[in-house]
Amino acid sequence: MFKYEVIAFLQTSQPKRWAKISAIHGADTDNRIIQRLYKELDLRGSLDVLRNSF
């Protein structure tokens, strides 16, 4: 997985949600997002995550 590309995509495609999440998690936002993404991929699989978000 390309961590920085995923983060950049989320920041540009969903700026309001990113601002809200950043306000909650602060400097640890990037790591928390990537950890959650990996968890969802493990639990549900990549196709379901792509179709239904995480």
N, C-alpha and C. Protein backbone atom coordinates (compact mmCIF):
# COMPACT_ATOMS: atom_id res chain seq x y z
N MET A 1 0.85 -1.18 0.00
CA MET A 1 0.00 0.00 0.00
C MET A 1 0.89 1.24 0.00
N PHE A 2 0.42 2.27 -0.63
CA PHE A 2 1.15 3.53 -0.73
C PHE A 2 0.54 4.53 0.24
N LYS A 3 1.10 4.58 1.43
CA LYS A 3 0.55 5.38 2.53
C LYS A 3 0.36 6.84 2.13
N TYR A 4 1.37 7.45 1.57
CA TYR A 4 1.30 8.89 1.29
C TYR A 4 0.32 9.21 0.17
N GLU A 5 0.17 8.31 -0.79
CA GLU A 5 -0.82 8.51 -1.84
C GLU A 5 -2.24 8.40 -1.31
N VAL A 6 -2.46 7.46 -0.40
CA VAL A 6 -3.78 7.29 0.21
C VAL A 6 -4.13 8.53 1.02
N ILE A 7 -3.20 9.00 1.83
CA ILE A 7 -3.43 10.18 2.65
C ILE A 7 -3.70 11.40 1.77
N ALA A 8 -2.89 11.59 0.74
CA ALA A 8 -3.07 12.74 -0.16
C ALA A 8 -4.43 12.67 -0.87
N PHE A 9 -4.83 11.47 -1.29
CA PHE A 9 -6.12 11.31 -1.95
C PHE A 9 -7.26 11.68 -1.00
N LEU A 10 -7.20 11.19 0.22
CA LEU A 10 -8.26 11.50 1.17
C LEU A 10 -8.31 12.99 1.51
N GLN A 11 -7.15 13.61 1.64
CA GLN A 11 -7.11 15.04 1.96
C GLN A 11 -7.70 15.89 0.84
N THR A 12 -7.44 15.53 -0.41
CA THR A 12 -7.94 16.34 -1.52
C THR A 12 -9.38 16.00 -1.90
N SER A 13 -9.77 14.75 -1.75
CA SER A 13 -11.12 14.37 -2.16
C SER A 13 -12.17 14.62 -1.08
N GLN A 14 -11.74 14.70 0.19
CA GLN A 14 -12.69 14.89 1.29
C GLN A 14 -12.14 15.88 2.32
N PRO A 15 -11.95 17.13 1.92
CA PRO A 15 -11.30 18.09 2.82
C PRO A 15 -12.08 18.38 4.11
N LYS A 16 -13.41 18.40 4.05
CA LYS A 16 -14.18 18.68 5.26
C LYS A 16 -14.08 17.53 6.26
N ARG A 17 -14.19 16.31 5.77
CA ARG A 17 -14.06 15.16 6.66
C ARG A 17 -12.64 15.05 7.22
N TRP A 18 -11.65 15.36 6.36
CA TRP A 18 -10.27 15.30 6.82
C TRP A 18 -10.03 16.32 7.94
N ALA A 19 -10.58 17.52 7.80
CA ALA A 19 -10.42 18.55 8.83
C ALA A 19 -11.07 18.11 10.14
N LYS A 20 -12.22 17.48 10.04
CA LYS A 20 -12.91 17.01 11.24
C LYS A 20 -12.10 15.91 11.94
N ILE A 21 -11.59 14.97 11.18
CA ILE A 21 -10.79 13.88 11.75
C ILE A 21 -9.50 14.42 12.32
N SER A 22 -8.87 15.37 11.64
CA SER A 22 -7.62 15.96 12.12
C SER A 22 -7.83 16.72 13.43
N ALA A 23 -8.98 17.35 13.57
CA ALA A 23 -9.27 18.06 14.81
C ALA A 23 -9.39 17.09 15.98
N ILE A 24 -9.87 15.90 15.72
CA ILE A 24 -10.05 14.91 16.77
C ILE A 24 -8.72 14.23 17.12
N HIS A 25 -7.98 13.81 16.10
CA HIS A 25 -6.78 12.99 16.34
C HIS A 25 -5.47 13.76 16.30
N GLY A 26 -5.47 14.97 15.83
CA GLY A 26 -4.26 15.80 15.83
C GLY A 26 -3.16 15.24 14.95
N ALA A 27 -1.95 15.22 15.47
CA ALA A 27 -0.77 14.82 14.70
C ALA A 27 -0.77 13.33 14.35
N ASP A 28 -1.57 12.55 15.03
CA ASP A 28 -1.59 11.09 14.81
C ASP A 28 -2.62 10.68 13.75
N THR A 29 -3.21 11.63 13.06
CA THR A 29 -4.28 11.36 12.10
C THR A 29 -3.84 10.39 11.01
N ASP A 30 -2.69 10.65 10.40
CA ASP A 30 -2.21 9.79 9.30
C ASP A 30 -2.11 8.34 9.73
N ASN A 31 -1.48 8.10 10.87
CA ASN A 31 -1.30 6.73 11.35
C ASN A 31 -2.62 6.06 11.69
N ARG A 32 -3.53 6.81 12.30
CA ARG A 32 -4.83 6.23 12.67
C ARG A 32 -5.65 5.86 11.44
N ILE A 33 -5.59 6.70 10.41
CA ILE A 33 -6.33 6.42 9.18
C ILE A 33 -5.76 5.17 8.51
N ILE A 34 -4.46 5.08 8.40
CA ILE A 34 -3.84 3.92 7.75
C ILE A 34 -4.11 2.65 8.56
N GLN A 35 -4.03 2.72 9.88
CA GLN A 35 -4.32 1.55 10.71
C GLN A 35 -5.76 1.10 10.50
N ARG A 36 -6.69 2.04 10.45
CA ARG A 36 -8.10 1.69 10.24
C ARG A 36 -8.31 1.07 8.87
N LEU A 37 -7.65 1.63 7.86
CA LEU A 37 -7.76 1.09 6.51
C LEU A 37 -7.26 -0.35 6.46
N TYR A 38 -6.10 -0.61 7.05
CA TYR A 38 -5.56 -1.98 7.08
C TYR A 38 -6.50 -2.93 7.82
N LYS A 39 -7.07 -2.47 8.93
CA LYS A 39 -7.99 -3.30 9.69
C LYS A 39 -9.22 -3.66 8.85
N GLU A 40 -9.79 -2.67 8.19
CA GLU A 40 -10.97 -2.91 7.36
C GLU A 40 -10.65 -3.81 6.17
N LEU A 41 -9.48 -3.64 5.57
CA LEU A 41 -9.07 -4.51 4.47
C LEU A 41 -8.95 -5.96 4.93
N ASP A 42 -8.39 -6.16 6.12
CA ASP A 42 -8.25 -7.51 6.66
C ASP A 42 -9.61 -8.13 6.97
N LEU A 43 -10.50 -7.34 7.55
CA LEU A 43 -11.80 -7.86 7.95
C LEU A 43 -12.75 -8.10 6.78
N ARG A 44 -12.82 -7.13 5.87
CA ARG A 44 -13.84 -7.16 4.82
C ARG A 44 -13.31 -7.44 3.43
N GLY A 45 -12.04 -7.26 3.21
CA GLY A 45 -11.48 -7.46 1.89
C GLY A 45 -11.46 -6.17 1.09
N SER A 46 -10.59 -6.13 0.11
CA SER A 46 -10.38 -4.89 -0.64
C SER A 46 -11.59 -4.49 -1.49
N LEU A 47 -12.27 -5.44 -2.09
CA LEU A 47 -13.41 -5.11 -2.95
C LEU A 47 -14.53 -4.44 -2.15
N ASP A 48 -14.85 -4.99 -0.98
CA ASP A 48 -15.89 -4.41 -0.16
C ASP A 48 -15.50 -3.01 0.33
N VAL A 49 -14.24 -2.82 0.69
CA VAL A 49 -13.78 -1.51 1.14
C VAL A 49 -13.87 -0.50 0.01
N LEU A 50 -13.49 -0.91 -1.18
CA LEU A 50 -13.57 0.00 -2.33
C LEU A 50 -15.02 0.36 -2.66
N ARG A 51 -15.89 -0.60 -2.57
CA ARG A 51 -17.31 -0.35 -2.91
C ARG A 51 -18.03 0.45 -1.83
N ASN A 52 -17.73 0.19 -0.56
CA ASN A 52 -18.54 0.74 0.53
C ASN A 52 -17.80 1.67 1.46
N SER A 53 -16.56 1.99 1.19
CA SER A 53 -15.77 2.90 2.02
C SER A 53 -15.37 2.22 3.33
N PHE A 54 -14.67 2.97 4.14
CA PHE A 54 -14.27 2.47 5.45
C PHE A 54 -14.42 3.54 6.50
